[in-house]
Amino acid sequence: MLILKIFLIVYVIWNAYVFVAMGRDKRRAKLHRWRTPEASLLLMGVAFGGVGLYAGMKYFHHKTAHLKFMIGAPIAILVNILVIGFLYYIGLSQRAFF
């Protein structure tokens, strides 16, 4: 149970970081400064940051016209849910054997 709590804390912190990264990229876009590559933002979303990516898109109105983000962010959330569910299922089935 402690591992689940640690995972949830790390998950929330990571999604908050991805959310902030979207805001930072939006601010830098307005200032015509160096930006975070789109591939990096999408990779952060797929790497368990899908909720932060989607929330950042909606809150900052950033990348909302880009098709790869409009499709990619919800897919990232779905992939995150499936992987977390699979890991949770594997964790429960391993406990049944010990």
PDB file of N, CA and C in Angstrom:
ATOM      1  N   MET A   1       0.812  -1.189   0.000  1.00  0.00           N
ATOM      2  CA  MET A   1       0.000   0.000   0.000  1.00  0.00           C
ATOM      3  C   MET A   1       0.861   1.260   0.000  1.00  0.00           C
ATOM      4  N   LEU A   2       2.026   1.187   0.636  1.00  0.00           N
ATOM      5  CA  LEU A   2       2.937   2.329   0.673  1.00  0.00           C
ATOM      6  C   LEU A   2       3.441   2.659  -0.732  1.00  0.00           C
ATOM      7  N   ILE A   3       3.688   1.636  -1.541  1.00  0.00           N
ATOM      8  CA  ILE A   3       4.160   1.854  -2.913  1.00  0.00           C
ATOM      9  C   ILE A   3       3.099   2.602  -3.712  1.00  0.00           C
ATOM     10  N   LEU A   4       1.838   2.275  -3.514  1.00  0.00           N
ATOM     11  CA  LEU A   4       0.752   2.960  -4.205  1.00  0.00           C
ATOM     12  C   LEU A   4       0.700   4.430  -3.809  1.00  0.00           C
ATOM     13  N   LYS A   5       0.863   4.724  -2.533  1.00  0.00           N
ATOM     14  CA  LYS A   5       0.852   6.109  -2.071  1.00  0.00           C
ATOM     15  C   LYS A   5       2.013   6.893  -2.661  1.00  0.00           C
ATOM     16  N   ILE A   6       3.187   6.275  -2.675  1.00  0.00           N
ATOM     17  CA  ILE A   6       4.363   6.938  -3.254  1.00  0.00           C
ATOM     18  C   ILE A   6       4.140   7.191  -4.739  1.00  0.00           C
ATOM     19  N   PHE A   7       3.608   6.187  -5.439  1.00  0.00           N
ATOM     20  CA  PHE A   7       3.338   6.351  -6.861  1.00  0.00           C
ATOM     21  C   PHE A   7       2.353   7.497  -7.101  1.00  0.00           C
ATOM     22  N   LEU A   8       1.302   7.585  -6.314  1.00  0.00           N
ATOM     23  CA  LEU A   8       0.312   8.646  -6.487  1.00  0.00           C
ATOM     24  C   LEU A   8       0.907  10.026  -6.225  1.00  0.00           C
ATOM     25  N   ILE A   9       1.769  10.139  -5.229  1.00  0.00           N
ATOM     26  CA  ILE A   9       2.421  11.413  -4.942  1.00  0.00           C
ATOM     27  C   ILE A   9       3.314  11.824  -6.105  1.00  0.00           C
ATOM     28  N   VAL A  10       4.107  10.882  -6.611  1.00  0.00           N
ATOM     29  CA  VAL A  10       4.991  11.164  -7.747  1.00  0.00           C
ATOM     30  C   VAL A  10       4.162  11.498  -8.988  1.00  0.00           C
ATOM     31  N   TYR A  11       3.057  10.793  -9.182  1.00  0.00           N
ATOM     32  CA  TYR A  11       2.176  11.025 -10.323  1.00  0.00           C
ATOM     33  C   TYR A  11       1.600  12.440 -10.293  1.00  0.00           C
ATOM     34  N   VAL A  12       1.153  12.883  -9.142  1.00  0.00           N
ATOM     35  CA  VAL A  12       0.590  14.231  -9.012  1.00  0.00           C
ATOM     36  C   VAL A  12       1.676  15.282  -9.240  1.00  0.00           C
ATOM     37  N   ILE A  13       2.861  15.083  -8.669  1.00  0.00           N
ATOM     38  CA  ILE A  13       3.955  16.033  -8.852  1.00  0.00           C
ATOM     39  C   ILE A  13       4.357  16.112 -10.323  1.00  0.00           C
ATOM     40  N   TRP A  14       4.467  14.969 -10.999  1.00  0.00           N
ATOM     41  CA  TRP A  14       4.851  14.942 -12.404  1.00  0.00           C
ATOM     42  C   TRP A  14       3.804  15.648 -13.270  1.00  0.00           C
ATOM     43  N   ASN A  15       2.527  15.402 -13.011  1.00  0.00           N
ATOM     44  CA  ASN A  15       1.485  16.062 -13.792  1.00  0.00           C
ATOM     45  C   ASN A  15       1.470  17.564 -13.527  1.00  0.00           C
ATOM     46  N   ALA A  16       1.771  17.976 -12.315  1.00  0.00           N
ATOM     47  CA  ALA A  16       1.887  19.407 -12.022  1.00  0.00           C
ATOM     48  C   ALA A  16       3.051  20.016 -12.801  1.00  0.00           C
ATOM     49  N   TYR A  17       4.145  19.284 -12.905  1.00  0.00           N
ATOM     50  CA  TYR A  17       5.301  19.765 -13.670  1.00  0.00           C
ATOM     51  C   TYR A  17       4.952  19.906 -15.151  1.00  0.00           C
ATOM     52  N   VAL A  18       4.258  18.931 -15.705  1.00  0.00           N
ATOM     53  CA  VAL A  18       3.857  18.994 -17.114  1.00  0.00           C
ATOM     54  C   VAL A  18       2.911  20.168 -17.334  1.00  0.00           C
ATOM     55  N   PHE A  19       1.999  20.396 -16.408  1.00  0.00           N
ATOM     56  CA  PHE A  19       1.085  21.532 -16.471  1.00  0.00           C
ATOM     57  C   PHE A  19       1.876  22.844 -16.502  1.00  0.00           C
ATOM     58  N   VAL A  20       2.849  22.971 -15.619  1.00  0.00           N
ATOM     59  CA  VAL A  20       3.689  24.173 -15.564  1.00  0.00           C
ATOM     60  C   VAL A  20       4.509  24.304 -16.850  1.00  0.00           C
ATOM     61  N   ALA A  21       4.984  23.201 -17.387  1.00  0.00           N
ATOM     62  CA  ALA A  21       5.747  23.238 -18.631  1.00  0.00           C
ATOM     63  C   ALA A  21       4.905  23.786 -19.782  1.00  0.00           C
ATOM     64  N   MET A  22       3.626  23.432 -19.811  1.00  0.00           N
ATOM     65  CA  MET A  22       2.733  23.987 -20.836  1.00  0.00           C
ATOM     66  C   MET A  22       2.570  25.495 -20.647  1.00  0.00           C
ATOM     67  N   GLY A  23       2.422  25.936 -19.418  1.00  0.00           N
ATOM     68  CA  GLY A  23       2.306  27.366 -19.143  1.00  0.00           C
ATOM     69  C   GLY A  23       3.582  28.118 -19.485  1.00  0.00           C
ATOM     70  N   ARG A  24       4.710  27.526 -19.155  1.00  0.00           N
ATOM     71  CA  ARG A  24       5.999  28.149 -19.471  1.00  0.00           C
ATOM     72  C   ARG A  24       6.186  28.265 -20.977  1.00  0.00           C
ATOM     73  N   ASP A  25       5.803  27.217 -21.723  1.00  0.00           N
ATOM     74  CA  ASP A  25       5.936  27.248 -23.171  1.00  0.00           C
ATOM     75  C   ASP A  25       5.021  28.309 -23.776  1.00  0.00           C
ATOM     76  N   LYS A  26       3.830  28.457 -23.246  1.00  0.00           N
ATOM     77  CA  LYS A  26       2.903  29.485 -23.723  1.00  0.00           C
ATOM     78  C   LYS A  26       3.486  30.887 -23.487  1.00  0.00           C
ATOM     79  N   ARG A  27       4.045  31.094 -22.287  1.00  0.00           N
ATOM     80  CA  ARG A  27       4.631  32.389 -21.966  1.00  0.00           C
ATOM     81  C   ARG A  27       5.803  32.695 -22.897  1.00  0.00           C
ATOM     82  N   ARG A  28       6.639  31.696 -23.131  1.00  0.00           N
ATOM     83  CA  ARG A  28       7.786  31.890 -24.015  1.00  0.00           C
ATOM     84  C   ARG A  28       7.346  32.126 -25.457  1.00  0.00           C
ATOM     85  N   ALA A  29       6.240  31.542 -25.858  1.00  0.00           N
ATOM     86  CA  ALA A  29       5.721  31.779 -27.206  1.00  0.00           C
ATOM     87  C   ALA A  29       5.317  33.241 -27.362  1.00  0.00           C
ATOM     88  N   LYS A  30       4.676  33.797 -26.349  1.00  0.00           N
ATOM     89  CA  LYS A  30       4.267  35.193 -26.406  1.00  0.00           C
ATOM     90  C   LYS A  30       5.463  36.142 -26.426  1.00  0.00           C
ATOM     91  N   LEU A  31       6.552  35.746 -25.767  1.00  0.00           N
ATOM     92  CA  LEU A  31       7.754  36.579 -25.696  1.00  0.00           C
ATOM     93  C   LEU A  31       8.719  36.306 -26.851  1.00  0.00           C
ATOM     94  N   HIS A  32       8.353  35.410 -27.759  1.00  0.00           N
ATOM     95  CA  HIS A  32       9.193  35.034 -28.905  1.00  0.00           C
ATOM     96  C   HIS A  32      10.563  34.528 -28.453  1.00  0.00           C
ATOM     97  N   ARG A  33      10.546  33.680 -27.443  1.00  0.00           N
ATOM     98  CA  ARG A  33      11.764  33.074 -26.923  1.00  0.00           C
ATOM     99  C   ARG A  33      11.843  31.620 -27.323  1.00  0.00           C
ATOM    100  N   TRP A  34      12.949  30.959 -26.895  1.00  0.00           N
ATOM    101  CA  TRP A  34      13.152  29.545 -27.161  1.00  0.00           C
ATOM    102  C   TRP A  34      12.020  28.761 -26.522  1.00  0.00           C
ATOM    103  N   ARG A  35      11.512  27.785 -27.254  1.00  0.00           N
ATOM    104  CA  ARG A  35      10.342  27.025 -26.816  1.00  0.00           C
ATOM    105  C   ARG A  35      10.687  25.575 -26.555  1.00  0.00           C
ATOM    106  N   THR A  36       9.847  24.923 -25.793  1.00  0.00           N
ATOM    107  CA  THR A  36       9.960  23.486 -25.579  1.00  0.00           C
ATOM    108  C   THR A  36       9.455  22.786 -26.840  1.00  0.00           C
ATOM    109  N   PRO A  37      10.225  21.844 -27.387  1.00  0.00           N
ATOM    110  CA  PRO A  37       9.766  21.147 -28.594  1.00  0.00           C
ATOM    111  C   PRO A  37       8.442  20.410 -28.355  1.00  0.00           C
ATOM    112  N   GLU A  38       7.607  20.384 -29.382  1.00  0.00           N
ATOM    113  CA  GLU A  38       6.310  19.710 -29.268  1.00  0.00           C
ATOM    114  C   GLU A  38       6.481  18.241 -28.922  1.00  0.00           C
ATOM    115  N   ALA A  39       7.507  17.619 -29.500  1.00  0.00           N
ATOM    116  CA  ALA A  39       7.747  16.200 -29.211  1.00  0.00           C
ATOM    117  C   ALA A  39       8.029  15.987 -27.727  1.00  0.00           C
ATOM    118  N   SER A  40       8.737  16.917 -27.109  1.00  0.00           N
ATOM    119  CA  SER A  40       9.034  16.794 -25.672  1.00  0.00           C
ATOM    120  C   SER A  40       7.765  16.915 -24.842  1.00  0.00           C
ATOM    121  N   LEU A  41       6.905  17.852 -25.215  1.00  0.00           N
ATOM    122  CA  LEU A  41       5.651  18.016 -24.481  1.00  0.00           C
ATOM    123  C   LEU A  41       4.783  16.762 -24.613  1.00  0.00           C
ATOM    124  N   LEU A  42       4.695  16.226 -25.827  1.00  0.00           N
ATOM    125  CA  LEU A  42       3.911  15.000 -26.025  1.00  0.00           C
ATOM    126  C   LEU A  42       4.523  13.819 -25.284  1.00  0.00           C
ATOM    127  N   LEU A  43       5.844  13.726 -25.289  1.00  0.00           N
ATOM    128  CA  LEU A  43       6.511  12.634 -24.567  1.00  0.00           C
ATOM    129  C   LEU A  43       6.249  12.730 -23.070  1.00  0.00           C
ATOM    130  N   MET A  44       6.258  13.949 -22.532  1.00  0.00           N
ATOM    131  CA  MET A  44       5.939  14.117 -21.117  1.00  0.00           C
ATOM    132  C   MET A  44       4.515  13.649 -20.826  1.00  0.00           C
ATOM    133  N   GLY A  45       3.616  13.901 -21.766  1.00  0.00           N
ATOM    134  CA  GLY A  45       2.229  13.461 -21.595  1.00  0.00           C
ATOM    135  C   GLY A  45       2.095  11.955 -21.607  1.00  0.00           C
ATOM    136  N   VAL A  46       2.799  11.317 -22.521  1.00  0.00           N
ATOM    137  CA  VAL A  46       2.728   9.854 -22.605  1.00  0.00           C
ATOM    138  C   VAL A  46       3.404   9.208 -21.397  1.00  0.00           C
ATOM    139  N   ALA A  47       4.438   9.853 -20.878  1.00  0.00           N
ATOM    140  CA  ALA A  47       5.174   9.324 -19.722  1.00  0.00           C
ATOM    141  C   ALA A  47       4.443   9.692 -18.426  1.00  0.00           C
ATOM    142  N   PHE A  48       3.179   9.316 -18.330  1.00  0.00           N
ATOM    143  CA  PHE A  48       2.333   9.504 -17.150  1.00  0.00           C
ATOM    144  C   PHE A  48       1.986  10.957 -16.856  1.00  0.00           C
ATOM    145  N   GLY A  49       2.115  11.849 -17.838  1.00  0.00           N
ATOM    146  CA  GLY A  49       1.762  13.243 -17.625  1.00  0.00           C
ATOM    147  C   GLY A  49       0.588  13.699 -18.480  1.00  0.00           C
ATOM    148  N   GLY A  50      -0.243  12.769 -18.896  1.00  0.00           N
ATOM    149  CA  GLY A  50      -1.356  13.085 -19.778  1.00  0.00           C
ATOM    150  C   GLY A  50      -2.352  14.056 -19.179  1.00  0.00           C
ATOM    151  N   VAL A  51      -2.635  13.908 -17.911  1.00  0.00           N
ATOM    152  CA  VAL A  51      -3.595  14.799 -17.248  1.00  0.00           C
ATOM    153  C   VAL A  51      -3.030  16.215 -17.187  1.00  0.00           C
ATOM    154  N   GLY A  52      -1.768  16.353 -16.846  1.00  0.00           N
ATOM    155  CA  GLY A  52      -1.130  17.670 -16.799  1.00  0.00           C
ATOM    156  C   GLY A  52      -1.061  18.316 -18.172  1.00  0.00           C
ATOM    157  N   LEU A  53      -0.796  17.509 -19.190  1.00  0.00           N
ATOM    158  CA  LEU A  53      -0.737  18.018 -20.559  1.00  0.00           C
ATOM    159  C   LEU A  53      -2.099  18.539 -20.995  1.00  0.00           C
ATOM    160  N   TYR A  54      -3.126  17.758 -20.769  1.00  0.00           N
ATOM    161  CA  TYR A  54      -4.479  18.158 -21.171  1.00  0.00           C
ATOM    162  C   TYR A  54      -4.957  19.372 -20.367  1.00  0.00           C
ATOM    163  N   ALA A  55      -4.703  19.353 -19.076  1.00  0.00           N
ATOM    164  CA  ALA A  55      -5.114  20.488 -18.235  1.00  0.00           C
ATOM    165  C   ALA A  55      -4.380  21.764 -18.646  1.00  0.00           C
ATOM    166  N   GLY A  56      -3.094  21.637 -18.969  1.00  0.00           N
ATOM    167  CA  GLY A  56      -2.329  22.798 -19.427  1.00  0.00           C
ATOM    168  C   GLY A  56      -2.834  23.330 -20.748  1.00  0.00           C
ATOM    169  N   MET A  57      -3.219  22.418 -21.633  1.00  0.00           N
ATOM    170  CA  MET A  57      -3.789  22.846 -22.913  1.00  0.00           C
ATOM    171  C   MET A  57      -5.037  23.679 -22.688  1.00  0.00           C
ATOM    172  N   LYS A  58      -5.910  23.187 -21.860  1.00  0.00           N
ATOM    173  CA  LYS A  58      -7.188  23.861 -21.634  1.00  0.00           C
ATOM    174  C   LYS A  58      -7.024  25.151 -20.818  1.00  0.00           C
ATOM    175  N   TYR A  59      -6.229  25.118 -19.779  1.00  0.00           N
ATOM    176  CA  TYR A  59      -6.091  26.277 -18.896  1.00  0.00           C
ATOM    177  C   TYR A  59      -5.366  27.432 -19.585  1.00  0.00           C
ATOM    178  N   PHE A  60      -4.251  27.118 -20.269  1.00  0.00           N
ATOM    179  CA  PHE A  60      -3.449  28.152 -20.911  1.00  0.00           C
ATOM    180  C   PHE A  60      -3.861  28.411 -22.359  1.00  0.00           C
ATOM    181  N   HIS A  61      -4.838  27.667 -22.862  1.00  0.00           N
ATOM    182  CA  HIS A  61      -5.259  27.759 -24.264  1.00  0.00           C
ATOM    183  C   HIS A  61      -4.039  27.636 -25.172  1.00  0.00           C
ATOM    184  N   HIS A  62      -3.260  26.607 -24.917  1.00  0.00           N
ATOM    185  CA  HIS A  62      -1.995  26.411 -25.618  1.00  0.00           C
ATOM    186  C   HIS A  62      -2.033  25.097 -26.386  1.00  0.00           C
ATOM    187  N   LYS A  63      -1.664  25.155 -27.644  1.00  0.00           N
ATOM    188  CA  LYS A  63      -1.606  23.997 -28.539  1.00  0.00           C
ATOM    189  C   LYS A  63      -2.989  23.415 -28.814  1.00  0.00           C
ATOM    190  N   THR A  64      -4.030  24.188 -28.584  1.00  0.00           N
ATOM    191  CA  THR A  64      -5.385  23.662 -28.770  1.00  0.00           C
ATOM    192  C   THR A  64      -5.782  23.580 -30.238  1.00  0.00           C
ATOM    193  N   ALA A  65      -5.057  24.274 -31.116  1.00  0.00           N
ATOM    194  CA  ALA A  65      -5.356  24.213 -32.546  1.00  0.00           C
ATOM    195  C   ALA A  65      -4.521  23.145 -33.258  1.00  0.00           C
ATOM    196  N   HIS A  66      -3.575  22.553 -32.553  1.00  0.00           N
ATOM    197  CA  HIS A  66      -2.715  21.534 -33.154  1.00  0.00           C
ATOM    198  C   HIS A  66      -3.396  20.174 -33.044  1.00  0.00           C
ATOM    199  N   LEU A  67      -3.597  19.545 -34.183  1.00  0.00           N
ATOM    200  CA  LEU A  67      -4.303  18.268 -34.216  1.00  0.00           C
ATOM    201  C   LEU A  67      -3.588  17.197 -33.402  1.00  0.00           C
ATOM    202  N   LYS A  68      -2.251  17.203 -33.462  1.00  0.00           N
ATOM    203  CA  LYS A  68      -1.529  16.164 -32.714  1.00  0.00           C
ATOM    204  C   LYS A  68      -1.707  16.312 -31.203  1.00  0.00           C
ATOM    205  N   PHE A  69      -1.988  17.518 -30.732  1.00  0.00           N
ATOM    206  CA  PHE A  69      -2.257  17.705 -29.304  1.00  0.00           C
ATOM    207  C   PHE A  69      -3.725  17.441 -28.982  1.00  0.00           C
ATOM    208  N   MET A  70      -4.603  17.837 -29.878  1.00  0.00           N
ATOM    209  CA  MET A  70      -6.033  17.584 -29.665  1.00  0.00           C
ATOM    210  C   MET A  70      -6.329  16.089 -29.605  1.00  0.00           C
ATOM    211  N   ILE A  71      -5.595  15.310 -30.367  1.00  0.00           N
ATOM    212  CA  ILE A  71      -5.750  13.851 -30.359  1.00  0.00           C
ATOM    213  C   ILE A  71      -4.778  13.216 -29.367  1.00  0.00           C
ATOM    214  N   GLY A  72      -3.554  13.748 -29.317  1.00  0.00           N
ATOM    215  CA  GLY A  72      -2.493  13.141 -28.511  1.00  0.00           C
ATOM    216  C   GLY A  72      -2.709  13.203 -27.013  1.00  0.00           C
ATOM    217  N   ALA A  73      -3.231  14.324 -26.523  1.00  0.00           N
ATOM    218  CA  ALA A  73      -3.422  14.453 -25.071  1.00  0.00           C
ATOM    219  C   ALA A  73      -4.464  13.465 -24.536  1.00  0.00           C
ATOM    220  N   PRO A  74      -5.641  13.336 -25.163  1.00  0.00           N
ATOM    221  CA  PRO A  74      -6.580  12.323 -24.671  1.00  0.00           C
ATOM    222  C   PRO A  74      -6.046  10.893 -24.815  1.00  0.00           C
ATOM    223  N   ILE A  75      -5.305  10.640 -25.902  1.00  0.00           N
ATOM    224  CA  ILE A  75      -4.701   9.307 -26.064  1.00  0.00           C
ATOM    225  C   ILE A  75      -3.667   9.071 -24.970  1.00  0.00           C
ATOM    226  N   ALA A  76      -2.897  10.106 -24.621  1.00  0.00           N
ATOM    227  CA  ALA A  76      -1.910   9.972 -23.547  1.00  0.00           C
ATOM    228  C   ALA A  76      -2.599   9.637 -22.229  1.00  0.00           C
ATOM    229  N   ILE A  77      -3.737  10.279 -21.964  1.00  0.00           N
ATOM    230  CA  ILE A  77      -4.480   9.973 -20.742  1.00  0.00           C
ATOM    231  C   ILE A  77      -4.963   8.525 -20.771  1.00  0.00           C
ATOM    232  N   LEU A  78      -5.477   8.095 -21.899  1.00  0.00           N
ATOM    233  CA  LEU A  78      -5.953   6.717 -22.027  1.00  0.00           C
ATOM    234  C   LEU A  78      -4.819   5.715 -21.827  1.00  0.00           C
ATOM    235  N   VAL A  79      -3.679   5.988 -22.451  1.00  0.00           N
ATOM    236  CA  VAL A  79      -2.513   5.105 -22.290  1.00  0.00           C
ATOM    237  C   VAL A  79      -2.082   5.080 -20.827  1.00  0.00           C
ATOM    238  N   ASN A  80      -2.075   6.251 -20.187  1.00  0.00           N
ATOM    239  CA  ASN A  80      -1.709   6.318 -18.766  1.00  0.00           C
ATOM    240  C   ASN A  80      -2.633   5.462 -17.916  1.00  0.00           C
ATOM    241  N   ILE A  81      -3.934   5.567 -18.172  1.00  0.00           N
ATOM    242  CA  ILE A  81      -4.915   4.790 -17.404  1.00  0.00           C
ATOM    243  C   ILE A  81      -4.711   3.292 -17.626  1.00  0.00           C
ATOM    244  N   LEU A  82      -4.493   2.904 -18.878  1.00  0.00           N
ATOM    245  CA  LEU A  82      -4.295   1.481 -19.179  1.00  0.00           C
ATOM    246  C   LEU A  82      -3.036   0.931 -18.528  1.00  0.00           C
ATOM    247  N   VAL A  83      -1.946   1.682 -18.598  1.00  0.00           N
ATOM    248  CA  VAL A  83      -0.685   1.212 -18.002  1.00  0.00           C
ATOM    249  C   VAL A  83      -0.803   1.154 -16.480  1.00  0.00           C
ATOM    250  N   ILE A  84      -1.393   2.173 -15.874  1.00  0.00           N
ATOM    251  CA  ILE A  84      -1.559   2.166 -14.415  1.00  0.00           C
ATOM    252  C   ILE A  84      -2.456   1.006 -13.996  1.00  0.00           C
ATOM    253  N   GLY A  85      -3.543   0.784 -14.737  1.00  0.00           N
ATOM    254  CA  GLY A  85      -4.430  -0.342 -14.440  1.00  0.00           C
ATOM    255  C   GLY A  85      -3.722  -1.673 -14.579  1.00  0.00           C
ATOM    256  N   PHE A  86      -2.910  -1.803 -15.626  1.00  0.00           N
ATOM    257  CA  PHE A  86      -2.154  -3.044 -15.825  1.00  0.00           C
ATOM    258  C   PHE A  86      -1.156  -3.261 -14.691  1.00  0.00           C
ATOM    259  N   LEU A  87      -0.432  -2.218 -14.322  1.00  0.00           N
ATOM    260  CA  LEU A  87       0.532  -2.347 -13.224  1.00  0.00           C
ATOM    261  C   LEU A  87      -0.162  -2.669 -11.908  1.00  0.00           C
ATOM    262  N   TYR A  88      -1.313  -2.064 -11.680  1.00  0.00           N
ATOM    263  CA  TYR A  88      -2.078  -2.354 -10.468  1.00  0.00           C
ATOM    264  C   TYR A  88      -2.554  -3.803 -10.471  1.00  0.00           C
ATOM    265  N   TYR A  89      -3.033  -4.273 -11.621  1.00  0.00           N
ATOM    266  CA  TYR A  89      -3.496  -5.646 -11.749  1.00  0.00           C
ATOM    267  C   TYR A  89      -2.353  -6.632 -11.521  1.00  0.00           C
ATOM    268  N   ILE A  90      -1.205  -6.351 -12.114  1.00  0.00           N
ATOM    269  CA  ILE A  90      -0.037  -7.229 -11.931  1.00  0.00           C
ATOM    270  C   ILE A  90       0.372  -7.246 -10.464  1.00  0.00           C
ATOM    271  N   GLY A  91       0.343  -6.078  -9.824  1.00  0.00           N
ATOM    272  CA  GLY A  91       0.692  -6.007  -8.402  1.00  0.00           C
ATOM    273  C   GLY A  91      -0.248  -6.823  -7.543  1.00  0.00           C
ATOM    274  N   LEU A  92      -1.535  -6.802  -7.844  1.00  0.00           N
ATOM    275  CA  LEU A  92      -2.499  -7.591  -7.067  1.00  0.00           C
ATOM    276  C   LEU A  92      -2.350  -9.075  -7.319  1.00  0.00           C
ATOM    277  N   SER A  93      -2.086  -9.444  -8.575  1.00  0.00           N
ATOM    278  CA  SER A  93      -1.963 -10.873  -8.862  1.00  0.00           C
ATOM    279  C   SER A  93      -0.696 -11.449  -8.266  1.00  0.00           C
ATOM    280  N   GLN A  94       0.369 -10.657  -8.151  1.00  0.00           N
ATOM    281  CA  GLN A  94       1.595 -11.147  -7.529  1.00  0.00           C
ATOM    282  C   GLN A  94       1.391 -11.338  -6.033  1.00  0.00           C
ATOM    283  N   ARG A  95       0.618 -10.496  -5.419  1.00  0.00           N
ATOM    284  CA  ARG A  95       0.360 -10.632  -3.977  1.00  0.00           C
ATOM    285  C   ARG A  95      -0.442 -11.889  -3.675  1.00  0.00           C
ATOM    286  N   ALA A  96      -1.242 -12.305  -4.645  1.00  0.00           N
ATOM    287  CA  ALA A  96      -2.054 -13.496  -4.432  1.00  0.00           C
ATOM    288  C   ALA A  96      -1.193 -14.745  -4.330  1.00  0.00           C
ATOM    289  N   PHE A  97      -0.019 -14.707  -4.935  1.00  0.00           N
ATOM    290  CA  PHE A  97       0.868 -15.876  -4.903  1.00  0.00           C
ATOM    291  C   PHE A  97       1.773 -15.902  -3.696  1.00  0.00           C
ATOM    292  N   PHE A  98       1.886 -14.797  -2.973  1.00  0.00           N
ATOM    293  CA  PHE A  98       2.796 -14.766  -1.816  1.00  0.00           C
ATOM    294  C   PHE A  98       2.067 -14.757  -0.516  1.00  0.00           C
TER     295      PHE A  98
END
